[in-house]
Protein backbone atom coordinates (compact mmCIF):
# COMPACT_ATOMS: atom_id res chain seq x y z
CA MET A 1 -1.33 -8.46 39.41
CA THR A 2 -0.34 -12.11 39.44
CA GLN A 3 -3.89 -13.13 38.58
CA LEU A 4 -3.87 -10.74 35.61
CA LEU A 5 -0.62 -12.20 34.28
CA GLN A 6 -1.97 -15.72 34.67
CA ASN A 7 -5.09 -14.76 32.71
CA ILE A 8 -2.98 -13.20 29.97
CA TYR A 9 -0.78 -16.30 29.71
CA PHE A 10 -3.90 -18.46 29.62
CA ILE A 11 -5.62 -16.48 26.84
CA THR A 12 -2.55 -15.72 24.67
CA PRO A 13 -2.30 -19.09 22.84
CA TYR A 14 -5.98 -18.92 21.87
CA LEU A 15 -5.58 -15.38 20.56
CA PHE A 16 -2.50 -16.42 18.62
CA VAL A 17 -4.35 -19.31 16.98
CA ALA A 18 -7.29 -17.04 16.17
CA VAL A 19 -4.97 -14.53 14.48
CA LEU A 20 -3.29 -17.31 12.49
CA LEU A 21 -6.64 -18.68 11.32
CA ALA A 22 -7.84 -15.21 10.32
CA THR A 23 -4.62 -14.60 8.41
CA ALA A 24 -4.92 -17.92 6.59
CA PHE A 25 -8.53 -17.18 5.68
CA CYS A 26 -7.61 -13.72 4.36
CA ALA A 27 -4.74 -15.16 2.32
CA ILE A 28 -6.96 -17.80 0.73
CA TRP A 29 -9.61 -15.19 -0.04
CA LEU A 30 -7.04 -12.83 -1.56
CA ILE A 31 -5.55 -15.57 -3.75
CA SER A 32 -9.00 -16.55 -5.02
CA GLU A 33 -9.86 -12.91 -5.80
CA LEU A 34 -6.60 -12.41 -7.68
CA LYS A 35 -7.18 -15.55 -9.73
CA LYS A 36 -10.72 -14.43 -10.56
CA SER A 37 -9.62 -10.99 -11.70
CA HIS A 38 -6.69 -12.42 -13.69
CA ASN A 39 -8.83 -14.95 -15.58
CA GLY A 40 -11.51 -12.48 -16.55
CA SER A 41 -9.31 -9.51 -17.41
CA GLN A 42 -9.11 -10.27 -21.14
CA ASN A 43 -12.87 -10.69 -21.51
CA ASN A 44 -13.82 -7.42 -19.85
CA TYR A 45 -12.64 -5.23 -22.74
CA SER A 46 -14.06 -5.04 -26.23
CA VAL A 47 -11.83 -5.36 -29.29
CA SER A 48 -11.79 -1.61 -29.88
CA ASP A 49 -10.86 -0.96 -26.25
CA ARG A 50 -7.99 -3.44 -26.43
CA LEU A 51 -6.70 -1.85 -29.64
CA PHE A 52 -6.94 1.61 -28.05
CA LEU A 53 -4.96 0.43 -25.01
CA LYS A 54 -2.38 -1.28 -27.22
CA ARG A 55 -1.90 1.86 -29.34
CA ASN A 56 -1.49 4.07 -26.29
CA ALA A 57 0.93 1.60 -24.70
CA SER A 58 3.14 1.73 -27.79
CA ARG A 59 3.03 5.54 -27.71
CA LEU A 60 4.07 5.55 -24.07
CA ARG A 61 6.94 3.17 -24.82
CA LYS A 62 8.16 5.50 -27.59
CA MET A 63 8.00 8.48 -25.22
CA GLU A 64 10.11 6.64 -22.65
CA PHE A 65 12.98 6.23 -25.11
CA HIS A 66 13.06 9.92 -26.09
């Protein structure tokens, strides 16, 4: 039992560092993906699609007030 606890205490800091590095990598990846999707969001839609979305958004806003 003592040997098991010693092994756990020996491995724990390395596992903790591995989890921190994985979390940092995932955060950087997520930020880069969000920036990519934000920059290209206006170019993905044609003019007619943007006008359609704008018209429907104004209709929804009018419905919210009634």
